Amino acid sequence: MARIVIACYKPKPGKNEALKALMKTHLSRLKQESLVTDRASIMMEATDGTILEVFEWISDEAIQNAHTNPTVLQMWGEYGEVCDYVPVGSLAEAANLFSGFEPFN
């Protein structure tokens, strides 16, 4: 069964543009590895600069397989250089009944 997730990427100081450039390749790289569905992702930006992405993994198994996939591990290393992963609940917008963000894509 597919799994929709919300991932949040907080840019490291001075790495905002590098993160945004990397985000533009994220879903296509996962698709090349047959780990995500064809559903388009939704990307948005919080007021603190955190980029959120809503996307769909093919399955829980695909998520697990990503953790041993050399291409994905390399990509995650690139992300580690430009951002930190944060929980969606840590964003100020998450406290609102209707959390609003700026469109990114």
PDB file of N, CA and C in Angstrom:
ATOM      1  N   MET A   1       0.843  -1.180   0.000  1.00  0.00           N
ATOM      2  CA  MET A   1       0.000   0.000   0.000  1.00  0.00           C
ATOM      3  C   MET A   1       0.890   1.247   0.000  1.00  0.00           C
ATOM      4  N   ALA A   2       0.537   2.216  -0.809  1.00  0.00           N
ATOM      5  CA  ALA A   2       1.314   3.461  -0.887  1.00  0.00           C
ATOM      6  C   ALA A   2       1.273   4.212   0.432  1.00  0.00           C
ATOM      7  N   ARG A   3       2.269   5.071   0.627  1.00  0.00           N
ATOM      8  CA  ARG A   3       2.372   5.838   1.872  1.00  0.00           C
ATOM      9  C   ARG A   3       2.699   7.291   1.527  1.00  0.00           C
ATOM     10  N   ILE A   4       1.795   8.209   1.869  1.00  0.00           N
ATOM     11  CA  ILE A   4       2.037   9.637   1.657  1.00  0.00           C
ATOM     12  C   ILE A   4       2.716  10.191   2.901  1.00  0.00           C
ATOM     13  N   VAL A   5       3.788  10.946   2.694  1.00  0.00           N
ATOM     14  CA  VAL A   5       4.558  11.504   3.802  1.00  0.00           C
ATOM     15  C   VAL A   5       4.734  13.013   3.626  1.00  0.00           C
ATOM     16  N   ILE A   6       4.998  13.666   4.741  1.00  0.00           N
ATOM     17  CA  ILE A   6       5.363  15.085   4.752  1.00  0.00           C
ATOM     18  C   ILE A   6       6.785  15.157   5.278  1.00  0.00           C
ATOM     19  N   ALA A   7       7.695  15.619   4.441  1.00  0.00           N
ATOM     20  CA  ALA A   7       9.095  15.757   4.845  1.00  0.00           C
ATOM     21  C   ALA A   7       9.410  17.245   4.965  1.00  0.00           C
ATOM     22  N   CYS A   8      10.197  17.596   5.981  1.00  0.00           N
ATOM     23  CA  CYS A   8      10.542  18.997   6.221  1.00  0.00           C
ATOM     24  C   CYS A   8      12.057  19.150   6.271  1.00  0.00           C
ATOM     25  N   TYR A   9      12.551  20.086   5.471  1.00  0.00           N
ATOM     26  CA  TYR A   9      13.984  20.300   5.306  1.00  0.00           C
ATOM     27  C   TYR A   9      14.313  21.737   5.706  1.00  0.00           C
ATOM     28  N   LYS A  10      14.983  21.909   6.819  1.00  0.00           N
ATOM     29  CA  LYS A  10      15.363  23.252   7.290  1.00  0.00           C
ATOM     30  C   LYS A  10      16.769  23.561   6.770  1.00  0.00           C
ATOM     31  N   PRO A  11      16.906  24.591   5.940  1.00  0.00           N
ATOM     32  CA  PRO A  11      18.226  24.865   5.361  1.00  0.00           C
ATOM     33  C   PRO A  11      19.246  25.272   6.427  1.00  0.00           C
ATOM     34  N   LYS A  12      20.447  24.795   6.248  1.00  0.00           N
ATOM     35  CA  LYS A  12      21.550  25.233   7.105  1.00  0.00           C
ATOM     36  C   LYS A  12      21.892  26.675   6.717  1.00  0.00           C
ATOM     37  N   PRO A  13      22.527  27.419   7.618  1.00  0.00           N
ATOM     38  CA  PRO A  13      22.853  28.822   7.310  1.00  0.00           C
ATOM     39  C   PRO A  13      23.582  28.959   5.979  1.00  0.00           C
ATOM     40  N   GLY A  14      23.063  29.850   5.143  1.00  0.00           N
ATOM     41  CA  GLY A  14      23.675  30.115   3.852  1.00  0.00           C
ATOM     42  C   GLY A  14      23.403  29.061   2.790  1.00  0.00           C
ATOM     43  N   LYS A  15      22.581  28.072   3.081  1.00  0.00           N
ATOM     44  CA  LYS A  15      22.351  26.958   2.152  1.00  0.00           C
ATOM     45  C   LYS A  15      20.939  26.935   1.561  1.00  0.00           C
ATOM     46  N   ASN A  16      20.206  28.022   1.723  1.00  0.00           N
ATOM     47  CA  ASN A  16      18.819  28.060   1.259  1.00  0.00           C
ATOM     48  C   ASN A  16      18.702  27.793  -0.241  1.00  0.00           C
ATOM     49  N   GLU A  17      19.497  28.487  -1.043  1.00  0.00           N
ATOM     50  CA  GLU A  17      19.415  28.310  -2.494  1.00  0.00           C
ATOM     51  C   GLU A  17      19.897  26.930  -2.924  1.00  0.00           C
ATOM     52  N   ALA A  18      20.906  26.410  -2.260  1.00  0.00           N
ATOM     53  CA  ALA A  18      21.386  25.062  -2.574  1.00  0.00           C
ATOM     54  C   ALA A  18      20.308  24.025  -2.266  1.00  0.00           C
ATOM     55  N   LEU A  19      19.590  24.204  -1.159  1.00  0.00           N
ATOM     56  CA  LEU A  19      18.496  23.294  -0.821  1.00  0.00           C
ATOM     57  C   LEU A  19      17.398  23.376  -1.876  1.00  0.00           C
ATOM     58  N   LYS A  20      17.036  24.580  -2.266  1.00  0.00           N
ATOM     59  CA  LYS A  20      15.977  24.737  -3.266  1.00  0.00           C
ATOM     60  C   LYS A  20      16.363  24.072  -4.584  1.00  0.00           C
ATOM     61  N   ALA A  21      17.610  24.187  -4.973  1.00  0.00           N
ATOM     62  CA  ALA A  21      18.064  23.538  -6.202  1.00  0.00           C
ATOM     63  C   ALA A  21      17.986  22.018  -6.066  1.00  0.00           C
ATOM     64  N   LEU A  22      18.379  21.501  -4.919  1.00  0.00           N
ATOM     65  CA  LEU A  22      18.333  20.061  -4.678  1.00  0.00           C
ATOM     66  C   LEU A  22      16.893  19.544  -4.662  1.00  0.00           C
ATOM     67  N   MET A  23      15.991  20.332  -4.102  1.00  0.00           N
ATOM     68  CA  MET A  23      14.588  19.926  -4.035  1.00  0.00           C
ATOM     69  C   MET A  23      13.999  19.685  -5.415  1.00  0.00           C
ATOM     70  N   LYS A  24      14.474  20.411  -6.398  1.00  0.00           N
ATOM     71  CA  LYS A  24      13.936  20.273  -7.752  1.00  0.00           C
ATOM     72  C   LYS A  24      14.270  18.922  -8.372  1.00  0.00           C
ATOM     73  N   THR A  25      15.216  18.181  -7.788  1.00  0.00           N
ATOM     74  CA  THR A  25      15.606  16.877  -8.315  1.00  0.00           C
ATOM     75  C   THR A  25      15.135  15.712  -7.444  1.00  0.00           C
ATOM     76  N   HIS A  26      14.608  16.008  -6.287  1.00  0.00           N
ATOM     77  CA  HIS A  26      14.308  14.975  -5.295  1.00  0.00           C
ATOM     78  C   HIS A  26      13.384  13.883  -5.824  1.00  0.00           C
ATOM     79  N   LEU A  27      12.205  14.272  -6.260  1.00  0.00           N
ATOM     80  CA  LEU A  27      11.224  13.278  -6.656  1.00  0.00           C
ATOM     81  C   LEU A  27      11.676  12.486  -7.883  1.00  0.00           C
ATOM     82  N   SER A  28      12.268  13.158  -8.846  1.00  0.00           N
ATOM     83  CA  SER A  28      12.699  12.446 -10.055  1.00  0.00           C
ATOM     84  C   SER A  28      13.779  11.417  -9.729  1.00  0.00           C
ATOM     85  N   ARG A  29      14.640  11.723  -8.784  1.00  0.00           N
ATOM     86  CA  ARG A  29      15.683  10.770  -8.402  1.00  0.00           C
ATOM     87  C   ARG A  29      15.082   9.547  -7.717  1.00  0.00           C
ATOM     88  N   LEU A  30      14.070   9.778  -6.890  1.00  0.00           N
ATOM     89  CA  LEU A  30      13.392   8.643  -6.253  1.00  0.00           C
ATOM     90  C   LEU A  30      12.616   7.823  -7.277  1.00  0.00           C
ATOM     91  N   LYS A  31      12.029   8.493  -8.263  1.00  0.00           N
ATOM     92  CA  LYS A  31      11.306   7.780  -9.324  1.00  0.00           C
ATOM     93  C   LYS A  31      12.252   6.893 -10.118  1.00  0.00           C
ATOM     94  N   GLN A  32      13.456   7.378 -10.399  1.00  0.00           N
ATOM     95  CA  GLN A  32      14.431   6.582 -11.147  1.00  0.00           C
ATOM     96  C   GLN A  32      14.757   5.282 -10.426  1.00  0.00           C
ATOM     97  N   GLU A  33      14.616   5.287  -9.127  1.00  0.00           N
ATOM     98  CA  GLU A  33      14.892   4.089  -8.330  1.00  0.00           C
ATOM     99  C   GLU A  33      13.626   3.265  -8.076  1.00  0.00           C
ATOM    100  N   SER A  34      12.505   3.681  -8.688  1.00  0.00           N
ATOM    101  CA  SER A  34      11.215   2.980  -8.556  1.00  0.00           C
ATOM    102  C   SER A  34      10.744   2.904  -7.105  1.00  0.00           C
ATOM    103  N   LEU A  35      10.911   4.001  -6.378  1.00  0.00           N
ATOM    104  CA  LEU A  35      10.542   4.032  -4.961  1.00  0.00           C
ATOM    105  C   LEU A  35       9.297   4.861  -4.675  1.00  0.00           C
ATOM    106  N   VAL A  36       8.922   5.751  -5.597  1.00  0.00           N
ATOM    107  CA  VAL A  36       7.762   6.610  -5.399  1.00  0.00           C
ATOM    108  C   VAL A  36       6.777   6.426  -6.549  1.00  0.00           C
ATOM    109  N   THR A  37       5.550   6.844  -6.307  1.00  0.00           N
ATOM    110  CA  THR A  37       4.509   6.736  -7.321  1.00  0.00           C
ATOM    111  C   THR A  37       4.641   7.884  -8.328  1.00  0.00           C
ATOM    112  N   ASP A  38       3.771   7.881  -9.293  1.00  0.00           N
ATOM    113  CA  ASP A  38       3.751   8.949 -10.293  1.00  0.00           C
ATOM    114  C   ASP A  38       3.038  10.206  -9.801  1.00  0.00           C
ATOM    115  N   ARG A  39       2.473  10.164  -8.615  1.00  0.00           N
ATOM    116  CA  ARG A  39       1.780  11.332  -8.071  1.00  0.00           C
ATOM    117  C   ARG A  39       2.771  12.488  -7.917  1.00  0.00           C
ATOM    118  N   ALA A  40       2.396  13.652  -8.405  1.00  0.00           N
ATOM    119  CA  ALA A  40       3.256  14.833  -8.269  1.00  0.00           C
ATOM    120  C   ALA A  40       3.381  15.210  -6.794  1.00  0.00           C
ATOM    121  N   SER A  41       4.545  15.688  -6.421  1.00  0.00           N
ATOM    122  CA  SER A  41       4.719  16.142  -5.046  1.00  0.00           C
ATOM    123  C   SER A  41       4.215  17.575  -4.920  1.00  0.00           C
ATOM    124  N   ILE A  42       3.961  17.966  -3.698  1.00  0.00           N
ATOM    125  CA  ILE A  42       3.621  19.349  -3.384  1.00  0.00           C
ATOM    126  C   ILE A  42       4.738  19.869  -2.502  1.00  0.00           C
ATOM    127  N   MET A  43       5.343  20.970  -2.926  1.00  0.00           N
ATOM    128  CA  MET A  43       6.405  21.581  -2.125  1.00  0.00           C
ATOM    129  C   MET A  43       5.979  22.975  -1.718  1.00  0.00           C
ATOM    130  N   MET A  44       6.323  23.333  -0.492  1.00  0.00           N
ATOM    131  CA  MET A  44       5.956  24.633   0.047  1.00  0.00           C
ATOM    132  C   MET A  44       7.018  25.092   1.029  1.00  0.00           C
ATOM    133  N   GLU A  45       6.960  26.385   1.372  1.00  0.00           N
ATOM    134  CA  GLU A  45       7.975  26.963   2.244  1.00  0.00           C
ATOM    135  C   GLU A  45       7.324  27.601   3.463  1.00  0.00           C
ATOM    136  N   ALA A  46       7.862  27.285   4.627  1.00  0.00           N
ATOM    137  CA  ALA A  46       7.404  27.886   5.884  1.00  0.00           C
ATOM    138  C   ALA A  46       8.048  29.264   6.056  1.00  0.00           C
ATOM    139  N   THR A  47       7.527  30.044   6.992  1.00  0.00           N
ATOM    140  CA  THR A  47       8.051  31.390   7.205  1.00  0.00           C
ATOM    141  C   THR A  47       9.508  31.387   7.654  1.00  0.00           C
ATOM    142  N   ASP A  48       9.971  30.302   8.276  1.00  0.00           N
ATOM    143  CA  ASP A  48      11.371  30.243   8.716  1.00  0.00           C
ATOM    144  C   ASP A  48      12.303  29.707   7.637  1.00  0.00           C
ATOM    145  N   GLY A  49      11.775  29.483   6.411  1.00  0.00           N
ATOM    146  CA  GLY A  49      12.599  28.995   5.306  1.00  0.00           C
ATOM    147  C   GLY A  49      12.610  27.493   5.143  1.00  0.00           C
ATOM    148  N   THR A  50      11.992  26.764   6.067  1.00  0.00           N
ATOM    149  CA  THR A  50      11.922  25.311   5.939  1.00  0.00           C
ATOM    150  C   THR A  50      11.100  24.957   4.707  1.00  0.00           C
ATOM    151  N   ILE A  51      11.593  24.001   3.927  1.00  0.00           N
ATOM    152  CA  ILE A  51      10.872  23.504   2.764  1.00  0.00           C
ATOM    153  C   ILE A  51      10.151  22.226   3.162  1.00  0.00           C
ATOM    154  N   LEU A  52       8.871  22.173   2.862  1.00  0.00           N
ATOM    155  CA  LEU A  52       8.071  20.979   3.114  1.00  0.00           C
ATOM    156  C   LEU A  52       7.761  20.321   1.784  1.00  0.00           C
ATOM    157  N   GLU A  53       7.747  19.007   1.788  1.00  0.00           N
ATOM    158  CA  GLU A  53       7.365  18.275   0.589  1.00  0.00           C
ATOM    159  C   GLU A  53       6.413  17.156   0.983  1.00  0.00           C
ATOM    160  N   VAL A  54       5.313  17.074   0.278  1.00  0.00           N
ATOM    161  CA  VAL A  54       4.354  15.995   0.442  1.00  0.00           C
ATOM    162  C   VAL A  54       4.510  15.105  -0.793  1.00  0.00           C
ATOM    163  N   PHE A  55       4.855  13.853  -0.564  1.00  0.00           N
ATOM    164  CA  PHE A  55       5.036  12.943  -1.693  1.00  0.00           C
ATOM    165  C   PHE A  55       4.633  11.530  -1.293  1.00  0.00           C
ATOM    166  N   GLU A  56       4.556  10.643  -2.297  1.00  0.00           N
ATOM    167  CA  GLU A  56       4.018   9.314  -2.068  1.00  0.00           C
ATOM    168  C   GLU A  56       5.024   8.214  -2.413  1.00  0.00           C
ATOM    169  N   TRP A  57       5.431   7.478  -1.384  1.00  0.00           N
ATOM    170  CA  TRP A  57       6.236   6.280  -1.576  1.00  0.00           C
ATOM    171  C   TRP A  57       5.339   5.180  -2.141  1.00  0.00           C
ATOM    172  N   ILE A  58       5.914   4.253  -2.886  1.00  0.00           N
ATOM    173  CA  ILE A  58       5.144   3.133  -3.433  1.00  0.00           C
ATOM    174  C   ILE A  58       4.591   2.260  -2.313  1.00  0.00           C
ATOM    175  N   SER A  59       5.385   2.070  -1.257  1.00  0.00           N
ATOM    176  CA  SER A  59       4.979   1.180  -0.165  1.00  0.00           C
ATOM    177  C   SER A  59       5.904   1.399   1.031  1.00  0.00           C
ATOM    178  N   ASP A  60       5.534   0.796   2.142  1.00  0.00           N
ATOM    179  CA  ASP A  60       6.428   0.805   3.308  1.00  0.00           C
ATOM    180  C   ASP A  60       7.739   0.092   2.966  1.00  0.00           C
ATOM    181  N   GLU A  61       7.635  -0.952   2.155  1.00  0.00           N
ATOM    182  CA  GLU A  61       8.831  -1.683   1.740  1.00  0.00           C
ATOM    183  C   GLU A  61       9.771  -0.777   0.936  1.00  0.00           C
ATOM    184  N   ALA A  62       9.213   0.076   0.087  1.00  0.00           N
ATOM    185  CA  ALA A  62      10.032   1.008  -0.688  1.00  0.00           C
ATOM    186  C   ALA A  62      10.778   1.966   0.237  1.00  0.00           C
ATOM    187  N   ILE A  63      10.114   2.390   1.284  1.00  0.00           N
ATOM    188  CA  ILE A  63      10.768   3.270   2.266  1.00  0.00           C
ATOM    189  C   ILE A  63      11.962   2.546   2.885  1.00  0.00           C
ATOM    190  N   GLN A  64      11.756   1.306   3.277  1.00  0.00           N
ATOM    191  CA  GLN A  64      12.840   0.522   3.864  1.00  0.00           C
ATOM    192  C   GLN A  64      13.965   0.296   2.858  1.00  0.00           C
ATOM    193  N   ASN A  65      13.604   0.019   1.613  1.00  0.00           N
ATOM    194  CA  ASN A  65      14.610  -0.205   0.584  1.00  0.00           C
ATOM    195  C   ASN A  65      15.450   1.042   0.320  1.00  0.00           C
ATOM    196  N   ALA A  66      14.857   2.193   0.496  1.00  0.00           N
ATOM    197  CA  ALA A  66      15.598   3.446   0.299  1.00  0.00           C
ATOM    198  C   ALA A  66      16.795   3.527   1.236  1.00  0.00           C
ATOM    199  N   HIS A  67      16.672   2.937   2.422  1.00  0.00           N
ATOM    200  CA  HIS A  67      17.732   3.011   3.427  1.00  0.00           C
ATOM    201  C   HIS A  67      18.968   2.179   3.079  1.00  0.00           C
ATOM    202  N   THR A  68      18.875   1.364   2.033  1.00  0.00           N
ATOM    203  CA  THR A  68      20.037   0.586   1.592  1.00  0.00           C
ATOM    204  C   THR A  68      20.364   0.839   0.120  1.00  0.00           C
ATOM    205  N   ASN A  69      19.644   1.750  -0.509  1.00  0.00           N
ATOM    206  CA  ASN A  69      19.847   2.056  -1.923  1.00  0.00           C
ATOM    207  C   ASN A  69      21.010   3.039  -2.071  1.00  0.00           C
ATOM    208  N   PRO A  70      22.080   2.665  -2.756  1.00  0.00           N
ATOM    209  CA  PRO A  70      23.257   3.542  -2.856  1.00  0.00           C
ATOM    210  C   PRO A  70      22.953   4.917  -3.468  1.00  0.00           C
ATOM    211  N   THR A  71      22.077   4.958  -4.447  1.00  0.00           N
ATOM    212  CA  THR A  71      21.729   6.238  -5.073  1.00  0.00           C
ATOM    213  C   THR A  71      21.000   7.141  -4.089  1.00  0.00           C
ATOM    214  N   VAL A  72      20.085   6.571  -3.342  1.00  0.00           N
ATOM    215  CA  VAL A  72      19.326   7.350  -2.362  1.00  0.00           C
ATOM    216  C   VAL A  72      20.237   7.780  -1.214  1.00  0.00           C
ATOM    217  N   LEU A  73      21.106   6.893  -0.775  1.00  0.00           N
ATOM    218  CA  LEU A  73      22.031   7.248   0.307  1.00  0.00           C
ATOM    219  C   LEU A  73      22.943   8.400  -0.117  1.00  0.00           C
ATOM    220  N   GLN A  74      23.385   8.392  -1.363  1.00  0.00           N
ATOM    221  CA  GLN A  74      24.203   9.500  -1.863  1.00  0.00           C
ATOM    222  C   GLN A  74      23.395  10.801  -1.854  1.00  0.00           C
ATOM    223  N   MET A  75      22.143  10.719  -2.317  1.00  0.00           N
ATOM    224  CA  MET A  75      21.284  11.903  -2.337  1.00  0.00           C
ATOM    225  C   MET A  75      21.053  12.414  -0.920  1.00  0.00           C
ATOM    226  N   TRP A  76      20.791  11.518   0.009  1.00  0.00           N
ATOM    227  CA  TRP A  76      20.574  11.940   1.388  1.00  0.00           C
ATOM    228  C   TRP A  76      21.829  12.597   1.965  1.00  0.00           C
ATOM    229  N   GLY A  77      22.998  12.151   1.537  1.00  0.00           N
ATOM    230  CA  GLY A  77      24.235  12.809   1.938  1.00  0.00           C
ATOM    231  C   GLY A  77      24.295  14.240   1.436  1.00  0.00           C
ATOM    232  N   GLU A  78      23.828  14.446   0.199  1.00  0.00           N
ATOM    233  CA  GLU A  78      23.769  15.800  -0.356  1.00  0.00           C
ATOM    234  C   GLU A  78      22.812  16.668   0.456  1.00  0.00           C
ATOM    235  N   TYR A  79      21.682  16.097   0.844  1.00  0.00           N
ATOM    236  CA  TYR A  79      20.737  16.827   1.689  1.00  0.00           C
ATOM    237  C   TYR A  79      21.370  17.169   3.038  1.00  0.00           C
ATOM    238  N   GLY A  80      22.115  16.224   3.603  1.00  0.00           N
ATOM    239  CA  GLY A  80      22.749  16.448   4.893  1.00  0.00           C
ATOM    240  C   GLY A  80      23.726  17.619   4.885  1.00  0.00           C
ATOM    241  N   GLU A  81      24.271  17.939   3.713  1.00  0.00           N
ATOM    242  CA  GLU A  81      25.197  19.067   3.601  1.00  0.00           C
ATOM    243  C   GLU A  81      24.477  20.410   3.605  1.00  0.00           C
ATOM    244  N   VAL A  82      23.196  20.425   3.219  1.00  0.00           N
ATOM    245  CA  VAL A  82      22.508  21.711   3.056  1.00  0.00           C
ATOM    246  C   VAL A  82      21.326  21.915   3.991  1.00  0.00           C
ATOM    247  N   CYS A  83      20.896  20.859   4.694  1.00  0.00           N
ATOM    248  CA  CYS A  83      19.718  21.029   5.556  1.00  0.00           C
ATOM    249  C   CYS A  83      19.719  20.023   6.700  1.00  0.00           C
ATOM    250  N   ASP A  84      18.813  20.295   7.628  1.00  0.00           N
ATOM    251  CA  ASP A  84      18.499  19.358   8.702  1.00  0.00           C
ATOM    252  C   ASP A  84      17.044  18.954   8.524  1.00  0.00           C
ATOM    253  N   TYR A  85      16.719  17.712   8.831  1.00  0.00           N
ATOM    254  CA  TYR A  85      15.337  17.254   8.787  1.00  0.00           C
ATOM    255  C   TYR A  85      14.678  17.660  10.105  1.00  0.00           C
ATOM    256  N   VAL A  86      13.481  18.213  10.015  1.00  0.00           N
ATOM    257  CA  VAL A  86      12.753  18.618  11.218  1.00  0.00           C
ATOM    258  C   VAL A  86      11.333  18.074  11.145  1.00  0.00           C
ATOM    259  N   PRO A  87      10.712  17.814  12.304  1.00  0.00           N
ATOM    260  CA  PRO A  87       9.321  17.346  12.284  1.00  0.00           C
ATOM    261  C   PRO A  87       8.377  18.481  11.901  1.00  0.00           C
ATOM    262  N   VAL A  88       7.329  18.137  11.177  1.00  0.00           N
ATOM    263  CA  VAL A  88       6.366  19.152  10.752  1.00  0.00           C
ATOM    264  C   VAL A  88       5.781  19.882  11.956  1.00  0.00           C
ATOM    265  N   GLY A  89       5.635  19.204  13.073  1.00  0.00           N
ATOM    266  CA  GLY A  89       5.079  19.815  14.285  1.00  0.00           C
ATOM    267  C   GLY A  89       5.955  20.891  14.884  1.00  0.00           C
ATOM    268  N   SER A  90       7.217  20.963  14.469  1.00  0.00           N
ATOM    269  CA  SER A  90       8.115  21.990  15.015  1.00  0.00           C
ATOM    270  C   SER A  90       7.951  23.337  14.309  1.00  0.00           C
ATOM    271  N   LEU A  91       7.210  23.363  13.211  1.00  0.00           N
ATOM    272  CA  LEU A  91       7.023  24.604  12.468  1.00  0.00           C
ATOM    273  C   LEU A  91       5.915  25.431  13.102  1.00  0.00           C
ATOM    274  N   ALA A  92       6.097  26.749  13.146  1.00  0.00           N
ATOM    275  CA  ALA A  92       5.110  27.642  13.754  1.00  0.00           C
ATOM    276  C   ALA A  92       3.737  27.459  13.118  1.00  0.00           C
ATOM    277  N   GLU A  93       3.711  27.222  11.814  1.00  0.00           N
ATOM    278  CA  GLU A  93       2.441  27.062  11.106  1.00  0.00           C
ATOM    279  C   GLU A  93       1.635  25.859  11.585  1.00  0.00           C
ATOM    280  N   ALA A  94       2.312  24.865  12.127  1.00  0.00           N
ATOM    281  CA  ALA A  94       1.635  23.645  12.563  1.00  0.00           C
ATOM    282  C   ALA A  94       0.686  23.900  13.731  1.00  0.00           C
ATOM    283  N   ALA A  95       0.853  25.021  14.426  1.00  0.00           N
ATOM    284  CA  ALA A  95      -0.014  25.349  15.553  1.00  0.00           C
ATOM    285  C   ALA A  95      -1.370  25.897  15.093  1.00  0.00           C
ATOM    286  N   ASN A  96      -1.482  26.230  13.815  1.00  0.00           N
ATOM    287  CA  ASN A  96      -2.731  26.797  13.288  1.00  0.00           C
ATOM    288  C   ASN A  96      -3.676  25.686  12.860  1.00  0.00           C
ATOM    289  N   LEU A  97      -4.959  25.935  12.998  1.00  0.00           N
ATOM    290  CA  LEU A  97      -5.955  24.966  12.562  1.00  0.00           C
ATOM    291  C   LEU A  97      -5.799  24.668  11.080  1.00  0.00           C
ATOM    292  N   PHE A  98      -5.581  25.693  10.280  1.00  0.00           N
ATOM    293  CA  PHE A  98      -5.313  25.538   8.859  1.00  0.00           C
ATOM    294  C   PHE A  98      -3.916  26.082   8.607  1.00  0.00           C
ATOM    295  N   SER A  99      -2.958  25.193   8.528  1.00  0.00           N
ATOM    296  CA  SER A  99      -1.562  25.588   8.371  1.00  0.00           C
ATOM    297  C   SER A  99      -1.325  26.051   6.940  1.00  0.00           C
ATOM    298  N   GLY A 100      -0.911  27.299   6.792  1.00  0.00           N
ATOM    299  CA  GLY A 100      -0.673  27.852   5.464  1.00  0.00           C
ATOM    300  C   GLY A 100       0.792  28.036   5.185  1.00  0.00           C
ATOM    301  N   PHE A 101       1.204  27.747   3.946  1.00  0.00           N
ATOM    302  CA  PHE A 101       2.592  27.860   3.519  1.00  0.00           C
ATOM    303  C   PHE A 101       2.639  28.508   2.140  1.00  0.00           C
ATOM    304  N   GLU A 102       3.799  29.029   1.786  1.00  0.00           N
ATOM    305  CA  GLU A 102       4.013  29.606   0.459  1.00  0.00           C
ATOM    306  C   GLU A 102       4.284  28.477  -0.530  1.00  0.00           C
ATOM    307  N   PRO A 103       3.657  28.510  -1.702  1.00  0.00           N
ATOM    308  CA  PRO A 103       3.941  27.477  -2.709  1.00  0.00           C
ATOM    309  C   PRO A 103       5.409  27.545  -3.130  1.00  0.00           C
ATOM    310  N   PHE A 104       5.993  26.376  -3.363  1.00  0.00           N
ATOM    311  CA  PHE A 104       7.383  26.297  -3.819  1.00  0.00           C
ATOM    312  C   PHE A 104       7.466  25.808  -5.257  1.00  0.00           C
ATOM    313  N   ASN A 105       6.608  24.858  -5.621  1.00  0.00           N
ATOM    314  CA  ASN A 105       6.680  24.327  -6.991  1.00  0.00           C
ATOM    315  C   ASN A 105       5.421  24.603  -7.761  1.00  0.00           C
TER     316      ASN A 105
END
